[in-house]
Amino acid sequence: MQMKVTDVSLSEAVPRTLFIDGVWREAQASFEVVNPATGRALATVADASLTDARDALDAAVAAQAVWHAVAPRERANLFHRAHALLIERAELFAQTMTLESGKPLTESRGEFKLSAEFFLWYAEQIAHLHGTFADGSHGGYRIVATHQPVGPCLLVTPWNFPLLMIARKAGAALAAGCTVVTKSARETPFTSALFVKVLEDAGFPAGVINLIHTTDAAGVSSQLMSDRRLRKVSFTGSTGVGSTLLSQAAQHIINASMELGGDGPFIVLDDADIDAAVESAIVCKFRNAGQACVAANRIIVHEDVEEEFTRKFVEKTRALRVGNGLDTVDVGPIVSARQRDRVERMVNQLTEAGAEVLTGGKALAGDGYFYEPTVMRFTGACEALRDEELFAPVAAIFPVKSTAQALAFANDTCYGLAAYLFTRDISRAIALGEHLDFGMVGINRGIMADPAAPFGGIKASGLGREGGHDGIYEFLEPKYLAITVKPAQEILA
């Protein structure tokens, strides 16, 4: 399906309604979706009420037994049909993501490619969900350990990676045999709608996947979380909202997976390949205008190489092209005026706290919500950044005197999602990698997401993993069957 960029916001191929029980339906209200590169509305989308949300859960509950009973091969065939449709509509997805989120079109195409790979990974795992069989410890029975779907799930996706998050979450849940209610991010509902449209066109049964958009995220989530029929919540977003959802999950002991905030320490040791570290830091910091939970938050550089690293990093930062993601640019806009204003306040506060601005440091005038790629240098630890996620095109460089200081400084945070380490010494890499208190460590690389790898963090960065074999098992409950059997000699006598 090929379309012109200018047609996307008006196209009938991009649903603007809710999808509940196999039907695209209107809501009583609607809200505008804004293009952050222009500050102007793209279109309106249906705004789900509490009644709509309840209807979506009703549909998921009603379809659960039917979807669970679908044979693995049949379920996998649906996935493969959906994957083929995803590939056919690749450019429509990429253009829609750029219009909604502002990220450069090259990044949107990259996100699409990774999202499709995740979905294909889950398709290939459906027929390989195995249990175990063993003799009872004292004989006379058999131990059969198997799994069953956890049940109807609520998937709450963020705006910064709108396709990757729904493909990764819904792919795992549906592969496990769970039905889902997906709540899109207010800023990026159309990408989620395109994904659900693909599943509908592939033939997924009514009620198996349901999609709601809403301006009342707190009210809708609270209502669904208070319903004992909901058995799983998977959320990607801020630690504060994740904590609220965990509190709500406690009422009915709802299974929860949380991918929350990150600190992203990026360590460059004195023996690092500086050019490689600079290239990775540029990608790791400024991809999606720094609006990523795994972005480099504190760039921690050994003092022996800090001057060279900083000089080269600042040069490359100044060369980054900022603008509308539909043009040839490196960095797009901040997602909203509110977020851009937050970045301005934060940079001012950090400057007042003693940070030296080496480049950037200002919002850009004109349409849209643009902010200059910024590099700041600190001479001390800066308490304000220890537990604060930048989530912006703002890099913070901290010199350290030793490897031990780098490790201690990196671990001094409430977060534990992703960390990065650059060194030529494999022993140092392994030693620090094992002692970095994070769920994921990139060694001599700034990109880690892979369908075959378990993605997730510890501490205030969340619970559970997405991707890899762990991804599907997050949506499965172990079940133990103890089966009494007669002794073989009685049967064979």
Protein backbone atom coordinates (compact mmCIF):
# COMPACT_ATOMS: atom_id res chain seq x y z
CA MET A 1 0.00 0.00 0.00
CA GLN A 2 1.84 3.10 -1.22
CA MET A 3 0.62 6.59 -0.34
CA LYS A 4 1.86 10.13 -0.52
CA VAL A 5 2.88 11.69 2.76
CA THR A 6 0.42 14.53 2.32
CA ASP A 7 -2.44 12.03 2.01
CA VAL A 8 -1.84 10.14 5.26
CA SER A 9 -3.85 12.34 7.60
CA LEU A 10 -6.87 12.26 5.30
CA SER A 11 -6.69 8.65 4.15
CA GLU A 12 -9.44 6.16 4.84
CA ALA A 13 -6.65 3.63 5.39
CA VAL A 14 -5.91 5.22 8.77
CA PRO A 15 -8.86 4.46 11.11
CA ARG A 16 -9.91 7.24 13.47
CA THR A 17 -12.34 5.25 15.58
CA LEU A 18 -12.21 2.67 18.37
CA PHE A 19 -11.92 -1.04 17.60
CA ILE A 20 -14.10 -3.11 19.93
CA ASP A 21 -15.29 -6.69 19.40
CA GLY A 22 -14.25 -6.70 15.75
CA VAL A 23 -15.99 -3.42 14.86
CA TRP A 24 -14.60 0.06 14.24
CA ARG A 25 -16.97 2.31 16.10
CA GLU A 26 -17.37 5.97 16.98
CA ALA A 27 -17.27 7.45 20.46
CA GLN A 28 -19.39 10.27 21.85
CA ALA A 29 -16.36 12.59 21.87
CA SER A 30 -13.15 13.09 19.91
CA PHE A 31 -9.81 14.85 20.27
CA GLU A 32 -7.19 16.34 17.98
CA VAL A 33 -3.88 14.70 17.13
CA VAL A 34 -1.17 17.30 16.60
CA ASN A 35 1.87 17.12 14.33
CA PRO A 36 4.74 18.26 16.60
CA ALA A 37 6.74 19.47 13.61
CA THR A 38 4.08 22.07 12.74
CA GLY A 39 2.04 22.49 15.91
CA ARG A 40 -1.10 21.98 13.82
CA ALA A 41 -3.77 19.29 14.04
CA LEU A 42 -3.49 16.30 11.73
CA ALA A 43 -6.99 14.94 12.35
CA THR A 44 -9.37 14.00 15.13
CA VAL A 45 -9.75 10.56 16.68
CA ALA A 46 -12.46 8.94 18.79
CA ASP A 47 -12.14 9.62 22.53
CA ALA A 48 -13.17 6.54 24.51
CA SER A 49 -15.42 6.86 27.54
CA LEU A 50 -15.48 4.57 30.57
CA THR A 51 -18.36 2.72 28.90
CA ASP A 52 -16.26 2.15 25.78
CA ALA A 53 -13.42 0.82 27.91
CA ARG A 54 -15.75 -1.58 29.71
CA ASP A 55 -17.13 -2.79 26.39
CA ALA A 56 -13.60 -3.47 25.18
CA LEU A 57 -12.85 -5.58 28.24
CA ASP A 58 -16.19 -7.39 27.87
CA ALA A 59 -15.19 -8.32 24.33
CA ALA A 60 -11.74 -9.52 25.40
CA VAL A 61 -13.21 -11.64 28.19
CA ALA A 62 -15.80 -13.19 25.89
CA ALA A 63 -13.17 -14.09 23.28
CA GLN A 64 -10.56 -15.49 25.71
CA ALA A 65 -11.69 -19.13 25.74
CA VAL A 66 -12.11 -19.19 21.97
CA TRP A 67 -8.67 -17.68 21.31
CA HIS A 68 -7.00 -20.01 23.81
CA ALA A 69 -8.50 -22.98 21.97
CA VAL A 70 -7.07 -21.95 18.58
CA ALA A 71 -4.42 -24.52 17.59
CA PRO A 72 -0.81 -23.26 17.65
CA ARG A 73 -0.31 -23.73 13.92
CA GLU A 74 -3.54 -21.89 13.10
CA ARG A 75 -2.57 -19.05 15.42
CA ALA A 76 0.89 -18.89 13.85
CA ASN A 77 -0.66 -18.77 10.37
CA LEU A 78 -2.64 -15.69 11.41
CA PHE A 79 0.59 -14.08 12.59
CA HIS A 80 2.33 -14.82 9.30
CA ARG A 81 -0.56 -13.32 7.34
CA ALA A 82 -0.41 -10.23 9.52
CA HIS A 83 3.35 -10.00 9.07
CA ALA A 84 2.96 -10.06 5.28
CA LEU A 85 0.41 -7.25 5.49
CA LEU A 86 2.74 -5.24 7.73
CA ILE A 87 5.47 -5.46 5.12
CA GLU A 88 3.06 -4.38 2.37
CA ARG A 89 2.10 -1.27 4.37
CA ALA A 90 5.61 -0.37 5.57
CA GLU A 91 5.72 3.12 4.09
CA LEU A 92 2.26 4.04 5.36
CA PHE A 93 3.36 3.07 8.87
CA ALA A 94 6.60 5.05 8.61
CA GLN A 95 4.90 8.20 7.32
CA THR A 96 2.18 8.01 9.94
CA MET A 97 4.72 7.62 12.75
CA THR A 98 6.64 10.64 11.51
CA LEU A 99 3.52 12.79 11.28
CA GLU A 100 2.33 11.83 14.77
CA SER A 101 5.56 11.64 16.74
CA GLY A 102 7.84 13.92 14.72
CA LYS A 103 10.75 11.51 14.45
CA PRO A 104 12.72 11.60 11.18
CA LEU A 105 11.38 9.35 8.46
CA THR A 106 14.59 7.32 8.46
CA GLU A 107 14.04 6.55 12.16
CA SER A 108 10.39 5.66 11.54
CA ARG A 109 11.45 3.21 8.84
CA GLY A 110 13.97 1.71 11.23
CA GLU A 111 11.32 1.37 13.92
CA PHE A 112 9.00 -0.31 11.45
CA LYS A 113 11.68 -2.84 10.47
CA LEU A 114 12.42 -3.74 14.09
CA SER A 115 8.70 -3.94 14.95
CA ALA A 116 8.04 -6.34 12.08
CA GLU A 117 10.97 -8.48 13.20
CA PHE A 118 9.56 -8.69 16.73
CA PHE A 119 6.17 -9.71 15.39
CA LEU A 120 7.78 -12.38 13.18
CA TRP A 121 9.80 -13.65 16.16
CA TYR A 122 6.59 -14.26 18.11
CA ALA A 123 5.00 -15.97 15.12
CA GLU A 124 7.91 -18.40 15.03
CA GLN A 125 7.70 -19.15 18.76
CA ILE A 126 4.01 -20.06 18.95
CA ALA A 127 4.53 -23.71 18.09
CA HIS A 128 7.50 -23.99 20.49
CA LEU A 129 5.97 -23.31 23.88
CA HIS A 130 6.94 -26.45 25.76
CA GLY A 131 6.44 -27.91 29.20
CA THR A 132 8.12 -30.78 31.06
CA PHE A 133 7.31 -34.36 32.09
CA ALA A 134 8.91 -36.18 35.03
CA ASP A 135 8.39 -38.97 37.56
CA GLY A 136 7.10 -38.01 40.97
CA SER A 137 9.78 -37.96 43.65
CA HIS A 138 8.38 -41.08 45.36
CA GLY A 139 6.82 -42.78 42.35
CA GLY A 140 3.16 -43.52 41.66
CA TYR A 141 2.48 -40.31 39.78
CA ARG A 142 3.83 -38.09 37.04
CA ILE A 143 4.72 -34.39 37.15
CA VAL A 144 3.45 -32.54 34.09
CA ALA A 145 4.43 -28.87 34.00
CA THR A 146 2.70 -26.85 31.31
CA HIS A 147 1.49 -23.29 30.74
CA GLN A 148 -1.78 -21.53 30.14
CA PRO A 149 -2.55 -17.98 29.00
CA VAL A 150 -2.75 -15.54 31.88
CA GLY A 151 -6.04 -14.21 30.47
CA PRO A 152 -7.38 -10.87 29.23
CA CYS A 153 -4.65 -8.21 29.21
CA LEU A 154 -4.45 -4.43 29.27
CA LEU A 155 -1.59 -3.11 27.14
CA VAL A 156 -0.66 0.54 27.68
CA THR A 157 1.71 1.85 25.01
CA PRO A 158 3.78 5.08 24.87
CA TRP A 159 4.11 7.72 22.16
CA ASN A 160 7.85 7.62 21.62
CA PHE A 161 7.93 4.21 19.88
CA PRO A 162 4.27 3.77 18.92
CA LEU A 163 4.63 0.78 16.60
CA LEU A 164 7.44 -1.06 18.36
CA MET A 165 5.62 -1.06 21.68
CA ILE A 166 2.28 -2.35 20.41
CA ALA A 167 3.95 -4.96 18.17
CA ARG A 168 6.15 -6.16 21.02
CA LYS A 169 3.40 -6.29 23.63
CA ALA A 170 0.46 -7.46 21.53
CA GLY A 171 2.67 -9.89 19.62
CA ALA A 172 3.69 -11.64 22.84
CA ALA A 173 0.23 -11.60 24.41
CA LEU A 174 -1.57 -12.90 21.33
CA ALA A 175 1.09 -15.54 20.71
CA ALA A 176 0.58 -16.79 24.27
CA GLY A 177 -3.17 -17.11 23.68
CA CYS A 178 -4.29 -13.99 25.54
CA THR A 179 -6.88 -11.49 24.37
CA VAL A 180 -6.03 -7.83 24.76
CA VAL A 181 -7.32 -4.32 25.26
CA THR A 182 -4.73 -1.85 24.00
CA LYS A 183 -4.78 1.76 25.12
CA SER A 184 -2.81 3.90 22.69
CA ALA A 185 -0.85 6.99 23.62
CA ARG A 186 -2.87 10.16 23.15
CA GLU A 187 -0.15 11.64 20.91
CA THR A 188 0.12 8.65 18.53
CA PRO A 189 -3.22 6.83 18.14
CA PHE A 190 -3.08 6.39 14.37
CA THR A 191 -0.02 4.13 14.39
CA SER A 192 -1.77 1.83 16.86
CA ALA A 193 -4.90 1.91 14.70
CA LEU A 194 -2.93 0.91 11.60
CA PHE A 195 -1.45 -2.04 13.49
CA VAL A 196 -4.84 -3.25 14.70
CA LYS A 197 -6.22 -2.83 11.17
CA VAL A 198 -3.51 -5.20 9.95
CA LEU A 199 -4.61 -7.83 12.48
CA GLU A 200 -8.24 -7.38 11.49
CA ASP A 201 -7.39 -7.77 7.80
CA ALA A 202 -5.29 -10.85 8.58
CA GLY A 203 -8.34 -12.55 10.10
CA PHE A 204 -7.85 -12.37 13.86
CA PRO A 205 -11.22 -13.21 15.48
CA ALA A 206 -13.50 -10.51 16.87
CA GLY A 207 -12.75 -9.56 20.47
CA VAL A 208 -9.21 -10.91 20.45
CA ILE A 209 -7.68 -7.47 20.06
CA ASN A 210 -9.45 -4.27 21.05
CA LEU A 211 -8.17 -0.71 20.75
CA ILE A 212 -9.16 2.41 22.64
CA HIS A 213 -7.87 5.99 22.52
CA THR A 214 -8.70 8.38 25.31
CA THR A 215 -7.97 11.73 26.90
CA ASP A 216 -8.93 10.22 30.27
CA ALA A 217 -6.08 7.75 30.59
CA ALA A 218 -6.17 7.71 34.38
CA GLY A 219 -9.93 7.13 34.55
CA VAL A 220 -9.97 4.43 31.89
CA SER A 221 -7.01 2.58 33.37
CA SER A 222 -8.42 2.79 36.88
CA GLN A 223 -11.74 1.32 35.76
CA LEU A 224 -10.12 -1.57 33.90
CA MET A 225 -7.66 -2.30 36.70
CA SER A 226 -10.50 -2.49 39.22
CA ASP A 227 -12.21 -5.26 37.22
CA ARG A 228 -11.27 -8.73 38.52
CA ARG A 229 -11.68 -10.19 35.03
CA LEU A 230 -8.54 -8.38 33.87
CA ARG A 231 -5.60 -10.67 34.59
CA LYS A 232 -2.56 -8.85 33.21
CA VAL A 233 -1.30 -5.30 32.66
CA SER A 234 1.73 -4.47 30.53
CA PHE A 235 2.80 -0.85 30.66
CA THR A 236 5.59 1.22 29.14
CA GLY A 237 5.97 4.75 30.43
CA SER A 238 7.02 6.78 33.43
CA THR A 239 7.95 5.26 36.76
CA GLY A 240 5.33 7.38 38.49
CA VAL A 241 2.45 6.06 36.40
CA GLY A 242 3.85 2.53 36.62
CA SER A 243 3.84 2.76 40.41
CA THR A 244 0.19 3.85 40.34
CA LEU A 245 -0.74 0.89 38.12
CA LEU A 246 1.09 -1.51 40.43
CA SER A 247 -0.91 -0.14 43.37
CA GLN A 248 -4.11 -0.70 41.43
CA ALA A 249 -2.99 -4.19 40.40
CA ALA A 250 -2.65 -5.13 44.06
CA GLN A 251 -6.42 -5.09 44.60
CA HIS A 252 -7.02 -8.22 42.50
CA ILE A 253 -3.38 -9.43 42.36
CA ILE A 254 -3.14 -8.67 38.64
CA ASN A 255 -0.03 -9.94 36.89
CA ALA A 256 2.07 -6.92 35.89
CA SER A 257 4.93 -6.14 33.51
CA MET A 258 6.45 -2.67 33.71
CA GLU A 259 8.99 -1.03 31.42
CA LEU A 260 9.59 2.30 33.13
CA GLY A 261 12.06 5.17 33.30
CA GLY A 262 15.78 4.92 32.69
CA ASP A 263 19.03 6.69 33.50
CA GLY A 264 21.26 5.34 30.72
CA PRO A 265 24.82 5.84 32.04
CA PHE A 266 27.20 5.82 29.05
CA ILE A 267 30.72 4.98 30.27
CA VAL A 268 33.81 5.72 28.18
CA LEU A 269 36.96 4.28 29.75
CA ASP A 270 40.52 5.46 29.09
CA ASP A 271 41.25 2.63 26.62
CA ALA A 272 38.06 3.06 24.58
CA ASP A 273 37.89 3.52 20.82
CA ILE A 274 36.92 7.19 21.07
CA ASP A 275 35.61 7.55 17.53
CA ALA A 276 33.35 4.51 17.97
CA ALA A 277 32.20 5.79 21.37
CA VAL A 278 31.35 9.21 19.91
CA GLU A 279 29.38 7.70 17.02
CA SER A 280 27.40 5.47 19.38
CA ALA A 281 26.82 8.30 21.83
CA ILE A 282 25.35 10.49 19.08
CA VAL A 283 22.88 7.76 18.14
CA CYS A 284 22.17 6.71 21.70
CA LYS A 285 21.58 10.30 22.84
CA PHE A 286 19.85 12.04 19.93
CA ARG A 287 17.76 9.26 18.37
CA ASN A 288 14.11 10.31 18.58
CA ALA A 289 15.31 13.69 19.90
CA GLY A 290 16.52 11.94 23.06
CA GLN A 291 13.00 10.81 23.89
CA ALA A 292 13.80 7.20 24.71
CA CYS A 293 13.94 5.35 28.01
CA VAL A 294 17.25 3.75 26.96
CA ALA A 295 18.84 7.01 25.79
CA ALA A 296 22.24 8.03 27.17
CA ASN A 297 21.38 10.13 30.22
CA ARG A 298 24.76 10.64 31.90
CA ILE A 299 27.85 10.36 29.69
CA ILE A 300 30.63 9.34 32.08
CA VAL A 301 34.11 9.77 30.56
CA HIS A 302 37.52 8.98 32.02
CA GLU A 303 39.46 12.23 32.44
CA ASP A 304 42.37 10.96 30.32
CA VAL A 305 40.16 10.90 27.21
CA GLU A 306 37.47 13.39 28.19
CA GLU A 307 38.93 16.31 26.21
CA GLU A 308 39.14 14.28 22.98
CA PHE A 309 35.73 12.68 23.45
CA THR A 310 34.02 15.97 24.29
CA ARG A 311 35.58 17.87 21.38
CA LYS A 312 34.55 15.23 18.83
CA PHE A 313 31.12 14.75 20.39
CA VAL A 314 30.38 18.49 20.35
CA GLU A 315 31.52 18.76 16.72
CA LYS A 316 29.16 16.00 15.64
CA THR A 317 26.32 17.42 17.74
CA ARG A 318 26.67 20.81 16.05
CA ALA A 319 26.48 19.11 12.65
CA LEU A 320 23.10 17.49 13.37
CA ARG A 321 20.29 18.79 11.16
CA VAL A 322 17.09 19.67 13.03
CA GLY A 323 13.70 19.95 11.38
CA ASN A 324 10.53 18.33 10.12
CA GLY A 325 10.98 14.58 10.02
CA LEU A 326 9.57 14.42 6.51
CA ASP A 327 12.65 16.35 5.30
CA THR A 328 16.26 15.16 5.32
CA VAL A 329 17.08 15.75 8.99
CA ASP A 330 18.80 14.01 11.90
CA VAL A 331 16.69 15.27 14.80
CA GLY A 332 12.97 15.96 14.83
CA PRO A 333 10.82 17.93 17.28
CA ILE A 334 9.96 17.39 20.90
CA VAL A 335 6.57 15.63 20.98
CA SER A 336 4.55 18.52 22.45
CA ALA A 337 4.72 22.12 23.56
CA ARG A 338 4.42 20.97 27.17
CA GLN A 339 7.41 18.66 26.82
CA ARG A 340 9.47 21.34 25.05
CA ASP A 341 8.74 23.79 27.86
CA ARG A 342 9.84 21.15 30.38
CA VAL A 343 13.16 20.81 28.54
CA GLU A 344 13.68 24.58 28.63
CA ARG A 345 13.07 24.69 32.38
CA MET A 346 15.34 21.72 32.98
CA VAL A 347 18.27 23.17 30.99
CA ASN A 348 17.91 26.47 32.85
CA GLN A 349 17.93 24.66 36.19
CA LEU A 350 21.01 22.63 35.26
CA THR A 351 22.82 25.76 34.10
CA GLU A 352 22.02 27.45 37.39
CA ALA A 353 23.38 24.34 39.14
CA GLY A 354 26.75 24.86 37.48
CA ALA A 355 26.57 23.05 34.14
CA GLU A 356 28.57 24.54 31.27
CA VAL A 357 26.64 24.64 27.98
CA LEU A 358 29.07 23.65 25.21
CA THR A 359 26.57 23.86 22.37
CA GLY A 360 22.83 24.38 21.95
CA GLY A 361 20.71 25.22 24.96
CA LYS A 362 17.76 26.97 23.32
CA ALA A 363 14.35 26.24 21.84
CA LEU A 364 14.10 27.04 18.14
CA ALA A 365 11.73 29.75 16.98
CA GLY A 366 8.98 29.08 14.45
CA ASP A 367 6.35 26.40 13.98
CA GLY A 368 6.62 23.13 15.82
CA TYR A 369 8.31 22.14 19.07
CA PHE A 370 12.02 22.08 18.26
CA TYR A 371 14.96 22.26 20.64
CA GLU A 372 18.63 22.56 19.73
CA PRO A 373 20.76 19.43 20.25
CA THR A 374 22.56 20.42 23.43
CA VAL A 375 25.74 19.32 25.21
CA MET A 376 26.37 20.25 28.83
CA ARG A 377 29.47 19.52 30.90
CA PHE A 378 29.53 19.01 34.65
CA THR A 379 32.51 19.00 37.00
CA GLY A 380 30.65 17.32 39.85
CA ALA A 381 28.05 14.59 40.26
CA CYS A 382 25.00 16.91 39.92
CA GLU A 383 22.39 15.53 42.27
CA ALA A 384 19.61 16.88 40.04
CA LEU A 385 20.44 14.32 37.35
CA ARG A 386 21.06 11.26 39.51
CA ASP A 387 17.41 10.19 39.49
CA GLU A 388 16.09 12.47 36.73
CA GLU A 389 15.48 11.19 33.21
CA LEU A 390 16.44 13.88 30.66
CA PHE A 391 14.18 12.53 27.86
CA ALA A 392 15.39 15.32 25.59
CA PRO A 393 18.09 16.14 23.01
CA VAL A 394 20.35 17.19 25.87
CA ALA A 395 23.64 15.40 26.60
CA ALA A 396 25.31 15.65 30.00
CA ILE A 397 29.05 14.85 30.21
CA PHE A 398 30.74 13.97 33.51
CA PRO A 399 34.52 13.40 33.79
CA VAL A 400 35.75 10.75 36.27
CA LYS A 401 39.20 9.82 37.53
CA SER A 402 39.02 6.00 37.55
CA THR A 403 37.15 2.92 36.45
CA ALA A 404 35.95 2.36 40.01
CA GLN A 405 34.57 5.90 40.18
CA ALA A 406 32.82 5.44 36.84
CA LEU A 407 31.13 2.26 38.07
CA ALA A 408 30.07 3.77 41.39
CA PHE A 409 28.73 6.89 39.71
CA ALA A 410 26.81 4.87 37.11
CA ASN A 411 25.14 2.72 39.77
CA ASP A 412 24.21 5.71 41.94
CA THR A 413 20.66 6.00 40.64
CA CYS A 414 17.21 4.64 41.40
CA TYR A 415 16.94 3.41 37.80
CA GLY A 416 18.26 0.19 36.29
CA LEU A 417 17.19 -0.14 32.67
CA ALA A 418 20.11 0.25 30.22
CA ALA A 419 23.78 1.10 30.59
CA TYR A 420 26.58 1.41 28.05
CA LEU A 421 30.29 0.68 28.32
CA PHE A 422 33.16 1.40 25.93
CA THR A 423 36.53 -0.31 26.44
CA ARG A 424 38.95 -2.37 24.37
CA ASP A 425 39.72 -4.71 27.31
CA ILE A 426 37.40 -7.74 27.37
CA SER A 427 38.17 -8.44 31.03
CA ARG A 428 37.21 -4.90 32.03
CA ALA A 429 34.09 -5.17 29.88
CA ILE A 430 32.95 -8.36 31.58
CA ALA A 431 33.85 -7.19 35.09
CA LEU A 432 32.01 -3.88 34.76
CA GLY A 433 29.19 -5.43 32.77
CA GLU A 434 28.54 -7.87 35.59
CA HIS A 435 28.66 -5.14 38.25
CA LEU A 436 26.55 -2.52 36.50
CA ASP A 437 23.20 -2.64 38.29
CA PHE A 438 21.09 -2.57 35.13
CA GLY A 439 18.93 -5.03 33.24
CA MET A 440 20.80 -4.46 29.97
CA VAL A 441 24.38 -3.46 29.21
CA GLY A 442 25.60 -2.49 25.75
CA ILE A 443 29.32 -3.14 25.42
CA ASN A 444 30.93 -1.11 22.62
CA ARG A 445 27.51 -0.51 21.08
CA GLY A 446 24.67 1.95 21.63
CA ILE A 447 21.75 -0.06 20.18
CA MET A 448 20.58 -3.22 21.95
CA ALA A 449 16.97 -3.97 20.97
CA ASP A 450 16.69 -7.39 19.33
CA PRO A 451 13.68 -9.73 19.01
CA ALA A 452 15.71 -12.61 20.46
CA ALA A 453 16.87 -10.65 23.54
CA PRO A 454 15.09 -10.03 26.87
CA PHE A 455 14.43 -6.27 27.08
CA GLY A 456 13.76 -4.76 30.49
CA GLY A 457 15.16 -3.31 33.69
CA ILE A 458 15.38 -3.58 37.46
CA LYS A 459 14.80 -1.26 40.42
CA ALA A 460 12.63 1.73 39.46
CA SER A 461 12.97 0.81 35.79
CA GLY A 462 10.42 -1.95 35.97
CA LEU A 463 9.44 -5.60 36.21
CA GLY A 464 9.54 -8.37 33.63
CA ARG A 465 11.00 -8.61 30.15
CA GLU A 466 9.81 -8.07 26.60
CA GLY A 467 11.36 -9.96 23.69
CA GLY A 468 13.22 -13.23 23.53
CA HIS A 469 11.74 -16.39 24.98
CA ASP A 470 10.92 -14.44 28.13
CA GLY A 471 8.55 -12.17 26.22
CA ILE A 472 5.85 -14.76 25.62
CA TYR A 473 6.22 -16.41 29.02
CA GLU A 474 5.38 -13.05 30.62
CA PHE A 475 1.84 -13.76 29.35
CA LEU A 476 1.72 -17.42 30.44
CA GLU A 477 1.09 -18.93 33.84
CA PRO A 478 2.85 -22.17 34.81
CA LYS A 479 0.48 -25.03 35.55
CA TYR A 480 1.41 -28.25 37.34
CA LEU A 481 -0.58 -31.46 36.83
CA ALA A 482 0.10 -34.30 39.28
CA ILE A 483 -1.21 -37.44 37.56
CA THR A 484 -1.62 -40.70 39.46
CA VAL A 485 -0.54 -43.74 37.45
CA LYS A 486 -0.62 -47.44 38.22
CA PRO A 487 2.68 -49.31 38.38
CA ALA A 488 3.78 -50.60 35.00
CA GLN A 489 3.79 -54.21 36.21
CA GLU A 490 0.06 -54.01 36.93
CA ILE A 491 -0.66 -52.68 33.47
CA LEU A 492 1.57 -55.17 31.68
CA ALA A 493 0.67 -58.26 33.74
